[in-house]
Amino acid sequence: MMITSPNNQWLKRARALLSRRGREREGAFLVEGPRALRTVLEAGAQIECVLLEVTAVEAPELRAALAAARVQVETATPGLLGTVFETETPQGWLAVVRSPETSGPPAARPARLVLADRVQDPGNLGSLLRTADAVGAAVVLLGGTADPLTPKVVRASAGSVVRVPWWRQPAAEVQAWLAETGGGVVVLDSGAGDDLLTADLPWPLALVAGSEAHGPSEVWADAPRLRLPMRAGAESLNVAIATAVALYDSVRKHGIGDDGA
């Protein structure tokens, strides 16, 4: 049946998932757009339902894949999903997806780790997760970092949030865990430290990517710094781009990982 009322149960559930409290209570999050949804589907995430506006962007291969996976698809009349979409020009696709399991650090330390330390901008965090997916890194979300399951982060990650191993943990606990498991910690710094292009990155690698406004937490005060060389007067790169440069430097030396290994 066509969804014609804003009081439809799926629309109510989707609106509840716009808040972090709602996502934590319901154990689900929203995915907007066919591209991110395709990534989520291929990653094997549990999709509860896909909501489509009748004017949605055509994606016949995705429709076929959803049908093959027996995912429930509901069509809505124009305008009804507008109360849920956060993009200015939505493509008409919205999915309710079960949240990934994030119980804590794995038994074996991943060889390539990104420590997102108070990264609050959703676009930056999403891009960081997308890069981590590309190089096979795991991500630790330290205190003050944005919720990775907000629609903006999910969209910026292009669905990689369900592919990347990630978990939340206080910075001090992560510091103690890294000291036990071995490997080096380096901090990206916009104005101090060794030149990234000539320095030797430690391996296994734990890379601290801190807040652009406030920098990394004090627990990393004694950790070595790395900086990207820049011409005089240029603004520092945002944290997502700087992290990508550093991660690909590690790829040059150690190759692509697999799920953080």
C-alpha atoms as a PDB file:
ATOM      1  CA  MET A   1       0.000   0.000   0.000  1.00  0.00           C
ATOM      2  CA  MET A   2       1.056   3.580  -0.658  1.00  0.00           C
ATOM      3  CA  ILE A   3       2.078   5.657   2.383  1.00  0.00           C
ATOM      4  CA  THR A   4      -0.227   8.685   2.347  1.00  0.00           C
ATOM      5  CA  SER A   5      -0.231   9.850   5.980  1.00  0.00           C
ATOM      6  CA  PRO A   6       2.501  11.531   8.059  1.00  0.00           C
ATOM      7  CA  ASN A   7       1.316   9.319  10.923  1.00  0.00           C
ATOM      8  CA  ASN A   8       2.438   6.146   9.156  1.00  0.00           C
ATOM      9  CA  GLN A   9       4.406   3.891  11.543  1.00  0.00           C
ATOM     10  CA  TRP A  10       7.533   3.881   9.354  1.00  0.00           C
ATOM     11  CA  LEU A  11       7.549   7.654   9.054  1.00  0.00           C
ATOM     12  CA  LYS A  12       7.178   7.970  12.824  1.00  0.00           C
ATOM     13  CA  ARG A  13      10.062   5.551  13.326  1.00  0.00           C
ATOM     14  CA  ALA A  14      12.226   7.432  10.824  1.00  0.00           C
ATOM     15  CA  ARG A  15      11.584  10.776  12.528  1.00  0.00           C
ATOM     16  CA  ALA A  16      12.495   9.259  15.895  1.00  0.00           C
ATOM     17  CA  LEU A  17      15.859   8.205  14.454  1.00  0.00           C
ATOM     18  CA  LEU A  18      16.812  11.798  13.698  1.00  0.00           C
ATOM     19  CA  SER A  19      17.888  12.198  17.336  1.00  0.00           C
ATOM     20  CA  ARG A  20      20.772  10.413  19.025  1.00  0.00           C
ATOM     21  CA  ARG A  21      18.498   9.409  21.889  1.00  0.00           C
ATOM     22  CA  GLY A  22      16.069   7.884  19.417  1.00  0.00           C
ATOM     23  CA  ARG A  23      18.826   5.971  17.624  1.00  0.00           C
ATOM     24  CA  GLU A  24      20.180   4.594  20.889  1.00  0.00           C
ATOM     25  CA  ARG A  25      16.694   3.627  22.091  1.00  0.00           C
ATOM     26  CA  GLU A  26      15.638   2.000  18.829  1.00  0.00           C
ATOM     27  CA  GLY A  27      18.988   0.463  17.882  1.00  0.00           C
ATOM     28  CA  ALA A  28      18.660   1.762  14.333  1.00  0.00           C
ATOM     29  CA  PHE A  29      19.708   4.669  12.114  1.00  0.00           C
ATOM     30  CA  LEU A  30      18.827   6.277   8.786  1.00  0.00           C
ATOM     31  CA  VAL A  31      20.548   5.977   5.425  1.00  0.00           C
ATOM     32  CA  GLU A  32      19.721   8.527   2.712  1.00  0.00           C
ATOM     33  CA  GLY A  33      20.260   8.092  -1.009  1.00  0.00           C
ATOM     34  CA  PRO A  34      20.773   5.092  -3.300  1.00  0.00           C
ATOM     35  CA  ARG A  35      24.576   5.214  -3.262  1.00  0.00           C
ATOM     36  CA  ALA A  36      24.963   4.895   0.511  1.00  0.00           C
ATOM     37  CA  LEU A  37      22.133   2.378   0.632  1.00  0.00           C
ATOM     38  CA  ARG A  38      23.889   0.190  -1.946  1.00  0.00           C
ATOM     39  CA  THR A  39      27.045   0.162   0.205  1.00  0.00           C
ATOM     40  CA  VAL A  40      25.033  -0.702   3.318  1.00  0.00           C
ATOM     41  CA  LEU A  41      23.222  -3.508   1.519  1.00  0.00           C
ATOM     42  CA  GLU A  42      26.417  -5.000   0.086  1.00  0.00           C
ATOM     43  CA  ALA A  43      28.015  -4.848   3.546  1.00  0.00           C
ATOM     44  CA  GLY A  44      25.305  -7.154   4.843  1.00  0.00           C
ATOM     45  CA  ALA A  45      23.669  -4.678   7.215  1.00  0.00           C
ATOM     46  CA  GLN A  46      20.166  -5.508   8.424  1.00  0.00           C
ATOM     47  CA  ILE A  47      17.785  -3.193   6.574  1.00  0.00           C
ATOM     48  CA  GLU A  48      14.395  -2.991   8.233  1.00  0.00           C
ATOM     49  CA  CYS A  49      12.622  -1.028   5.527  1.00  0.00           C
ATOM     50  CA  VAL A  50      13.276   1.242   2.556  1.00  0.00           C
ATOM     51  CA  LEU A  51      10.997   4.239   2.037  1.00  0.00           C
ATOM     52  CA  LEU A  52      10.712   5.621  -1.477  1.00  0.00           C
ATOM     53  CA  GLU A  53       8.999   8.718  -2.751  1.00  0.00           C
ATOM     54  CA  VAL A  54       7.112   8.067  -5.965  1.00  0.00           C
ATOM     55  CA  THR A  55       9.419  10.623  -7.627  1.00  0.00           C
ATOM     56  CA  ALA A  56      12.617   8.985  -6.324  1.00  0.00           C
ATOM     57  CA  VAL A  57      15.729   8.785  -8.507  1.00  0.00           C
ATOM     58  CA  GLU A  58      15.623   5.592 -10.561  1.00  0.00           C
ATOM     59  CA  ALA A  59      18.033   2.872  -9.468  1.00  0.00           C
ATOM     60  CA  PRO A  60      16.829  -0.365 -11.100  1.00  0.00           C
ATOM     61  CA  GLU A  61      19.867  -2.435 -10.079  1.00  0.00           C
ATOM     62  CA  LEU A  62      19.449  -1.404  -6.458  1.00  0.00           C
ATOM     63  CA  ARG A  63      15.727  -2.164  -6.612  1.00  0.00           C
ATOM     64  CA  ALA A  64      16.547  -5.623  -7.931  1.00  0.00           C
ATOM     65  CA  ALA A  65      19.147  -6.187  -5.192  1.00  0.00           C
ATOM     66  CA  LEU A  66      16.672  -5.146  -2.508  1.00  0.00           C
ATOM     67  CA  ALA A  67      14.089  -7.513  -3.931  1.00  0.00           C
ATOM     68  CA  ALA A  68      16.626 -10.348  -4.009  1.00  0.00           C
ATOM     69  CA  ALA A  69      17.462  -9.656  -0.361  1.00  0.00           C
ATOM     70  CA  ARG A  70      13.741  -9.551   0.461  1.00  0.00           C
ATOM     71  CA  VAL A  71      13.957  -6.087   1.952  1.00  0.00           C
ATOM     72  CA  GLN A  72      10.624  -4.425   2.618  1.00  0.00           C
ATOM     73  CA  VAL A  73      10.098  -1.395   0.361  1.00  0.00           C
ATOM     74  CA  GLU A  74       7.320   1.125   0.961  1.00  0.00           C
ATOM     75  CA  THR A  75       6.371   3.928  -1.454  1.00  0.00           C
ATOM     76  CA  ALA A  76       5.256   7.343  -0.174  1.00  0.00           C
ATOM     77  CA  THR A  77       3.403  10.144  -1.857  1.00  0.00           C
ATOM     78  CA  PRO A  78       5.463  13.280  -2.711  1.00  0.00           C
ATOM     79  CA  GLY A  79       6.421  15.481   0.211  1.00  0.00           C
ATOM     80  CA  LEU A  80       5.877  13.015   3.041  1.00  0.00           C
ATOM     81  CA  LEU A  81       9.550  12.122   3.399  1.00  0.00           C
ATOM     82  CA  GLY A  82      10.491  15.792   3.449  1.00  0.00           C
ATOM     83  CA  THR A  83      10.056  15.843   7.224  1.00  0.00           C
ATOM     84  CA  VAL A  84      12.848  13.266   7.504  1.00  0.00           C
ATOM     85  CA  PHE A  85      15.330  14.107   4.746  1.00  0.00           C
ATOM     86  CA  GLU A  86      18.168  16.403   5.800  1.00  0.00           C
ATOM     87  CA  THR A  87      19.594  17.087   2.337  1.00  0.00           C
ATOM     88  CA  GLU A  88      18.484  20.140   0.382  1.00  0.00           C
ATOM     89  CA  THR A  89      17.928  18.081  -2.768  1.00  0.00           C
ATOM     90  CA  PRO A  90      17.002  14.569  -1.568  1.00  0.00           C
ATOM     91  CA  GLN A  91      16.958  11.722  -4.069  1.00  0.00           C
ATOM     92  CA  GLY A  92      13.852  10.148  -2.603  1.00  0.00           C
ATOM     93  CA  TRP A  93      15.502   7.122  -0.947  1.00  0.00           C
ATOM     94  CA  LEU A  94      15.472   6.544   2.817  1.00  0.00           C
ATOM     95  CA  ALA A  95      16.255   3.351   4.715  1.00  0.00           C
ATOM     96  CA  VAL A  96      15.847   2.301   8.335  1.00  0.00           C
ATOM     97  CA  VAL A  97      18.889   0.151   9.198  1.00  0.00           C
ATOM     98  CA  ARG A  98      19.837  -1.731  12.353  1.00  0.00           C
ATOM     99  CA  SER A  99      22.812  -0.174  14.141  1.00  0.00           C
ATOM    100  CA  PRO A 100      26.116  -2.066  13.879  1.00  0.00           C
ATOM    101  CA  GLU A 101      27.490  -3.860  16.908  1.00  0.00           C
ATOM    102  CA  THR A 102      30.199  -1.768  18.611  1.00  0.00           C
ATOM    103  CA  SER A 103      31.045  -3.588  21.820  1.00  0.00           C
ATOM    104  CA  GLY A 104      34.601  -2.285  22.228  1.00  0.00           C
ATOM    105  CA  PRO A 105      38.160  -2.862  21.080  1.00  0.00           C
ATOM    106  CA  PRO A 106      38.948  -6.211  19.414  1.00  0.00           C
ATOM    107  CA  ALA A 107      41.093  -8.834  21.093  1.00  0.00           C
ATOM    108  CA  ALA A 108      43.892  -8.205  18.596  1.00  0.00           C
ATOM    109  CA  ARG A 109      44.919  -4.616  17.981  1.00  0.00           C
ATOM    110  CA  PRO A 110      44.333  -3.474  14.382  1.00  0.00           C
ATOM    111  CA  ALA A 111      47.562  -2.508  12.662  1.00  0.00           C
ATOM    112  CA  ARG A 112      46.180   0.797  11.373  1.00  0.00           C
ATOM    113  CA  LEU A 113      44.081   2.865  13.795  1.00  0.00           C
ATOM    114  CA  VAL A 114      42.601   6.354  13.580  1.00  0.00           C
ATOM    115  CA  LEU A 115      41.772   7.992  16.899  1.00  0.00           C
ATOM    116  CA  ALA A 116      39.082  10.589  16.200  1.00  0.00           C
ATOM    117  CA  ASP A 117      39.555  12.990  19.095  1.00  0.00           C
ATOM    118  CA  ARG A 118      36.738  15.544  19.439  1.00  0.00           C
ATOM    119  CA  VAL A 119      36.053  15.583  15.686  1.00  0.00           C
ATOM    120  CA  GLN A 120      32.691  17.323  15.830  1.00  0.00           C
ATOM    121  CA  ASP A 121      31.963  18.258  12.215  1.00  0.00           C
ATOM    122  CA  PRO A 122      29.742  15.524  10.676  1.00  0.00           C
ATOM    123  CA  GLY A 123      31.200  16.006   7.203  1.00  0.00           C
ATOM    124  CA  ASN A 124      34.749  15.606   8.462  1.00  0.00           C
ATOM    125  CA  LEU A 125      33.912  12.510  10.498  1.00  0.00           C
ATOM    126  CA  GLY A 126      32.062  10.933   7.589  1.00  0.00           C
ATOM    127  CA  SER A 127      34.963  11.592   5.224  1.00  0.00           C
ATOM    128  CA  LEU A 128      37.379  10.203   7.789  1.00  0.00           C
ATOM    129  CA  LEU A 129      35.345   6.979   8.034  1.00  0.00           C
ATOM    130  CA  ARG A 130      35.228   6.735   4.251  1.00  0.00           C
ATOM    131  CA  THR A 131      39.026   7.012   4.023  1.00  0.00           C
ATOM    132  CA  ALA A 132      39.463   4.481   6.833  1.00  0.00           C
ATOM    133  CA  ASP A 133      37.321   2.073   4.834  1.00  0.00           C
ATOM    134  CA  ALA A 134      39.457   2.636   1.738  1.00  0.00           C
ATOM    135  CA  VAL A 135      42.744   1.810   3.469  1.00  0.00           C
ATOM    136  CA  GLY A 136      41.533  -0.874   5.883  1.00  0.00           C
ATOM    137  CA  ALA A 137      41.808   1.114   9.108  1.00  0.00           C
ATOM    138  CA  ALA A 138      39.776   0.872  12.279  1.00  0.00           C
ATOM    139  CA  VAL A 139      38.468   3.989  14.029  1.00  0.00           C
ATOM    140  CA  VAL A 140      38.187   4.801  17.736  1.00  0.00           C
ATOM    141  CA  LEU A 141      35.752   7.596  18.583  1.00  0.00           C
ATOM    142  CA  LEU A 142      37.057   9.482  21.600  1.00  0.00           C
ATOM    143  CA  GLY A 143      35.004  11.759  23.831  1.00  0.00           C
ATOM    144  CA  GLY A 144      33.481  14.812  22.167  1.00  0.00           C
ATOM    145  CA  THR A 145      33.399  13.242  18.696  1.00  0.00           C
ATOM    146  CA  ALA A 146      30.177  13.416  16.677  1.00  0.00           C
ATOM    147  CA  ASP A 147      27.766  10.490  16.603  1.00  0.00           C
ATOM    148  CA  PRO A 148      28.764   8.412  13.545  1.00  0.00           C
ATOM    149  CA  LEU A 149      25.159   7.348  12.969  1.00  0.00           C
ATOM    150  CA  THR A 150      23.734  10.814  12.378  1.00  0.00           C
ATOM    151  CA  PRO A 151      22.318  11.132   8.851  1.00  0.00           C
ATOM    152  CA  LYS A 152      24.977  13.713   7.905  1.00  0.00           C
ATOM    153  CA  VAL A 153      27.864  11.477   8.968  1.00  0.00           C
ATOM    154  CA  VAL A 154      26.344   8.414   7.308  1.00  0.00           C
ATOM    155  CA  ARG A 155      25.854  10.386   4.091  1.00  0.00           C
ATOM    156  CA  ALA A 156      29.392  11.817   4.138  1.00  0.00           C
ATOM    157  CA  SER A 157      30.796   8.331   4.735  1.00  0.00           C
ATOM    158  CA  ALA A 158      28.862   7.045   1.687  1.00  0.00           C
ATOM    159  CA  GLY A 159      27.759   4.099   3.846  1.00  0.00           C
ATOM    160  CA  SER A 160      31.270   3.183   5.005  1.00  0.00           C
ATOM    161  CA  VAL A 161      30.127   3.565   8.618  1.00  0.00           C
ATOM    162  CA  VAL A 162      28.789  -0.010   8.450  1.00  0.00           C
ATOM    163  CA  ARG A 163      31.997  -1.397   6.923  1.00  0.00           C
ATOM    164  CA  VAL A 164      34.630   0.157   9.162  1.00  0.00           C
ATOM    165  CA  PRO A 165      35.381  -1.373  12.583  1.00  0.00           C
ATOM    166  CA  TRP A 166      34.705   1.446  15.049  1.00  0.00           C
ATOM    167  CA  TRP A 167      33.960   1.840  18.714  1.00  0.00           C
ATOM    168  CA  ARG A 168      33.664   4.566  21.357  1.00  0.00           C
ATOM    169  CA  GLN A 169      36.153   4.767  24.221  1.00  0.00           C
ATOM    170  CA  PRO A 170      37.567   7.455  26.552  1.00  0.00           C
ATOM    171  CA  ALA A 171      40.968   8.801  25.500  1.00  0.00           C
ATOM    172  CA  ALA A 172      42.697   7.771  28.722  1.00  0.00           C
ATOM    173  CA  GLU A 173      41.484   4.177  28.350  1.00  0.00           C
ATOM    174  CA  VAL A 174      42.667   4.051  24.745  1.00  0.00           C
ATOM    175  CA  GLN A 175      46.056   5.388  25.776  1.00  0.00           C
ATOM    176  CA  ALA A 176      46.423   2.622  28.370  1.00  0.00           C
ATOM    177  CA  TRP A 177      45.231  -0.036  25.894  1.00  0.00           C
ATOM    178  CA  LEU A 178      47.740   1.099  23.267  1.00  0.00           C
ATOM    179  CA  ALA A 179      50.560   1.022  25.820  1.00  0.00           C
ATOM    180  CA  GLU A 180      49.697  -2.617  26.524  1.00  0.00           C
ATOM    181  CA  THR A 181      49.328  -3.721  22.912  1.00  0.00           C
ATOM    182  CA  GLY A 182      52.421  -2.010  21.491  1.00  0.00           C
ATOM    183  CA  GLY A 183      52.953   0.131  18.424  1.00  0.00           C
ATOM    184  CA  GLY A 184      53.358   3.871  18.185  1.00  0.00           C
ATOM    185  CA  VAL A 185      51.027   6.827  18.581  1.00  0.00           C
ATOM    186  CA  VAL A 186      51.466   9.994  16.532  1.00  0.00           C
ATOM    187  CA  VAL A 187      49.387  13.162  16.561  1.00  0.00           C
ATOM    188  CA  LEU A 188      48.521  15.185  13.474  1.00  0.00           C
ATOM    189  CA  ASP A 189      49.368  18.815  14.197  1.00  0.00           C
ATOM    190  CA  SER A 190      48.779  21.769  11.902  1.00  0.00           C
ATOM    191  CA  GLY A 191      51.811  23.699  13.074  1.00  0.00           C
ATOM    192  CA  ALA A 192      54.334  21.545  14.899  1.00  0.00           C
ATOM    193  CA  GLY A 193      56.239  18.303  14.650  1.00  0.00           C
ATOM    194  CA  ASP A 194      58.154  16.404  12.001  1.00  0.00           C
ATOM    195  CA  ASP A 195      57.356  16.661   8.309  1.00  0.00           C
ATOM    196  CA  LEU A 196      54.945  13.839   7.469  1.00  0.00           C
ATOM    197  CA  LEU A 197      56.514  13.318   4.056  1.00  0.00           C
ATOM    198  CA  THR A 198      59.972  12.590   5.452  1.00  0.00           C
ATOM    199  CA  ALA A 199      59.203  11.145   8.895  1.00  0.00           C
ATOM    200  CA  ASP A 200      59.041   7.427   9.582  1.00  0.00           C
ATOM    201  CA  LEU A 201      55.548   6.470  10.705  1.00  0.00           C
ATOM    202  CA  PRO A 202      55.474   3.891  13.500  1.00  0.00           C
ATOM    203  CA  TRP A 203      53.994   0.484  12.768  1.00  0.00           C
ATOM    204  CA  PRO A 204      51.509  -0.622  13.977  1.00  0.00           C
ATOM    205  CA  LEU A 205      50.103   2.875  13.644  1.00  0.00           C
ATOM    206  CA  ALA A 206      47.718   4.805  15.888  1.00  0.00           C
ATOM    207  CA  LEU A 207      47.028   8.205  14.353  1.00  0.00           C
ATOM    208  CA  VAL A 208      45.379  10.883  16.511  1.00  0.00           C
ATOM    209  CA  ALA A 209      43.157  13.203  14.466  1.00  0.00           C
ATOM    210  CA  GLY A 210      42.087  16.011  16.763  1.00  0.00           C
ATOM    211  CA  SER A 211      39.585  18.829  16.753  1.00  0.00           C
ATOM    212  CA  GLU A 212      40.475  21.634  14.355  1.00  0.00           C
ATOM    213  CA  ALA A 213      39.292  24.208  16.878  1.00  0.00           C
ATOM    214  CA  HIS A 214      40.776  22.784  20.080  1.00  0.00           C
ATOM    215  CA  GLY A 215      43.380  20.229  19.040  1.00  0.00           C
ATOM    216  CA  PRO A 216      43.818  16.785  20.608  1.00  0.00           C
ATOM    217  CA  SER A 217      43.129  15.881  24.236  1.00  0.00           C
ATOM    218  CA  GLU A 218      45.790  16.511  26.857  1.00  0.00           C
ATOM    219  CA  VAL A 219      46.414  12.772  27.270  1.00  0.00           C
ATOM    220  CA  TRP A 220      48.397  12.940  24.003  1.00  0.00           C
ATOM    221  CA  ALA A 221      50.587  15.857  25.153  1.00  0.00           C
ATOM    222  CA  ASP A 222      53.743  13.736  25.136  1.00  0.00           C
ATOM    223  CA  ALA A 223      53.046  11.912  21.865  1.00  0.00           C
ATOM    224  CA  PRO A 224      55.190  12.860  18.846  1.00  0.00           C
ATOM    225  CA  ARG A 225      53.664  15.301  16.333  1.00  0.00           C
ATOM    226  CA  LEU A 226      53.466  15.158  12.562  1.00  0.00           C
ATOM    227  CA  ARG A 227      52.685  18.089  10.290  1.00  0.00           C
ATOM    228  CA  LEU A 228      51.919  18.409   6.610  1.00  0.00           C
ATOM    229  CA  PRO A 229      54.282  20.776   4.750  1.00  0.00           C
ATOM    230  CA  MET A 230      52.433  23.858   3.494  1.00  0.00           C
ATOM    231  CA  ARG A 231      53.350  27.101   1.773  1.00  0.00           C
ATOM    232  CA  ALA A 232      53.482  30.206   3.948  1.00  0.00           C
ATOM    233  CA  GLY A 233      50.135  31.850   4.626  1.00  0.00           C
ATOM    234  CA  ALA A 234      47.998  28.893   3.570  1.00  0.00           C
ATOM    235  CA  GLU A 235      45.216  27.724   5.878  1.00  0.00           C
ATOM    236  CA  SER A 236      45.683  24.311   7.454  1.00  0.00           C
ATOM    237  CA  LEU A 237      43.886  21.408   5.791  1.00  0.00           C
ATOM    238  CA  ASN A 238      40.763  20.116   7.483  1.00  0.00           C
ATOM    239  CA  VAL A 239      41.128  17.064   9.690  1.00  0.00           C
ATOM    240  CA  ALA A 240      39.595  14.665   7.167  1.00  0.00           C
ATOM    241  CA  ILE A 241      42.008  15.621   4.377  1.00  0.00           C
ATOM    242  CA  ALA A 242      45.037  15.665   6.671  1.00  0.00           C
ATOM    243  CA  THR A 243      44.112  12.220   7.981  1.00  0.00           C
ATOM    244  CA  ALA A 244      43.703  10.897   4.450  1.00  0.00           C
ATOM    245  CA  VAL A 245      47.193  12.125   3.485  1.00  0.00           C
ATOM    246  CA  ALA A 246      48.730  10.466   6.547  1.00  0.00           C
ATOM    247  CA  LEU A 247      46.866   7.200   6.040  1.00  0.00           C
ATOM    248  CA  TYR A 248      47.919   6.935   2.427  1.00  0.00           C
ATOM    249  CA  ASP A 249      51.503   7.566   3.433  1.00  0.00           C
ATOM    250  CA  SER A 250      51.171   4.482   5.623  1.00  0.00           C
ATOM    251  CA  VAL A 251      49.678   2.621   2.653  1.00  0.00           C
ATOM    252  CA  ARG A 252      52.734   3.529   0.569  1.00  0.00           C
ATOM    253  CA  LYS A 253      54.921   1.828   3.148  1.00  0.00           C
ATOM    254  CA  HIS A 254      52.719  -1.017   4.388  1.00  0.00           C
ATOM    255  CA  GLY A 255      50.006  -1.589   1.794  1.00  0.00           C
ATOM    256  CA  ILE A 256      46.231  -1.670   2.121  1.00  0.00           C
ATOM    257  CA  GLY A 257      44.820  -3.337   5.217  1.00  0.00           C
ATOM    258  CA  ASP A 258      41.697  -5.457   5.598  1.00  0.00           C
ATOM    259  CA  ASP A 259      39.189  -4.434   8.272  1.00  0.00           C
ATOM    260  CA  GLY A 260      41.885  -2.654  10.185  1.00  0.00           C
ATOM    261  CA  ALA A 261      44.453  -5.454   9.921  1.00  0.00           C
END
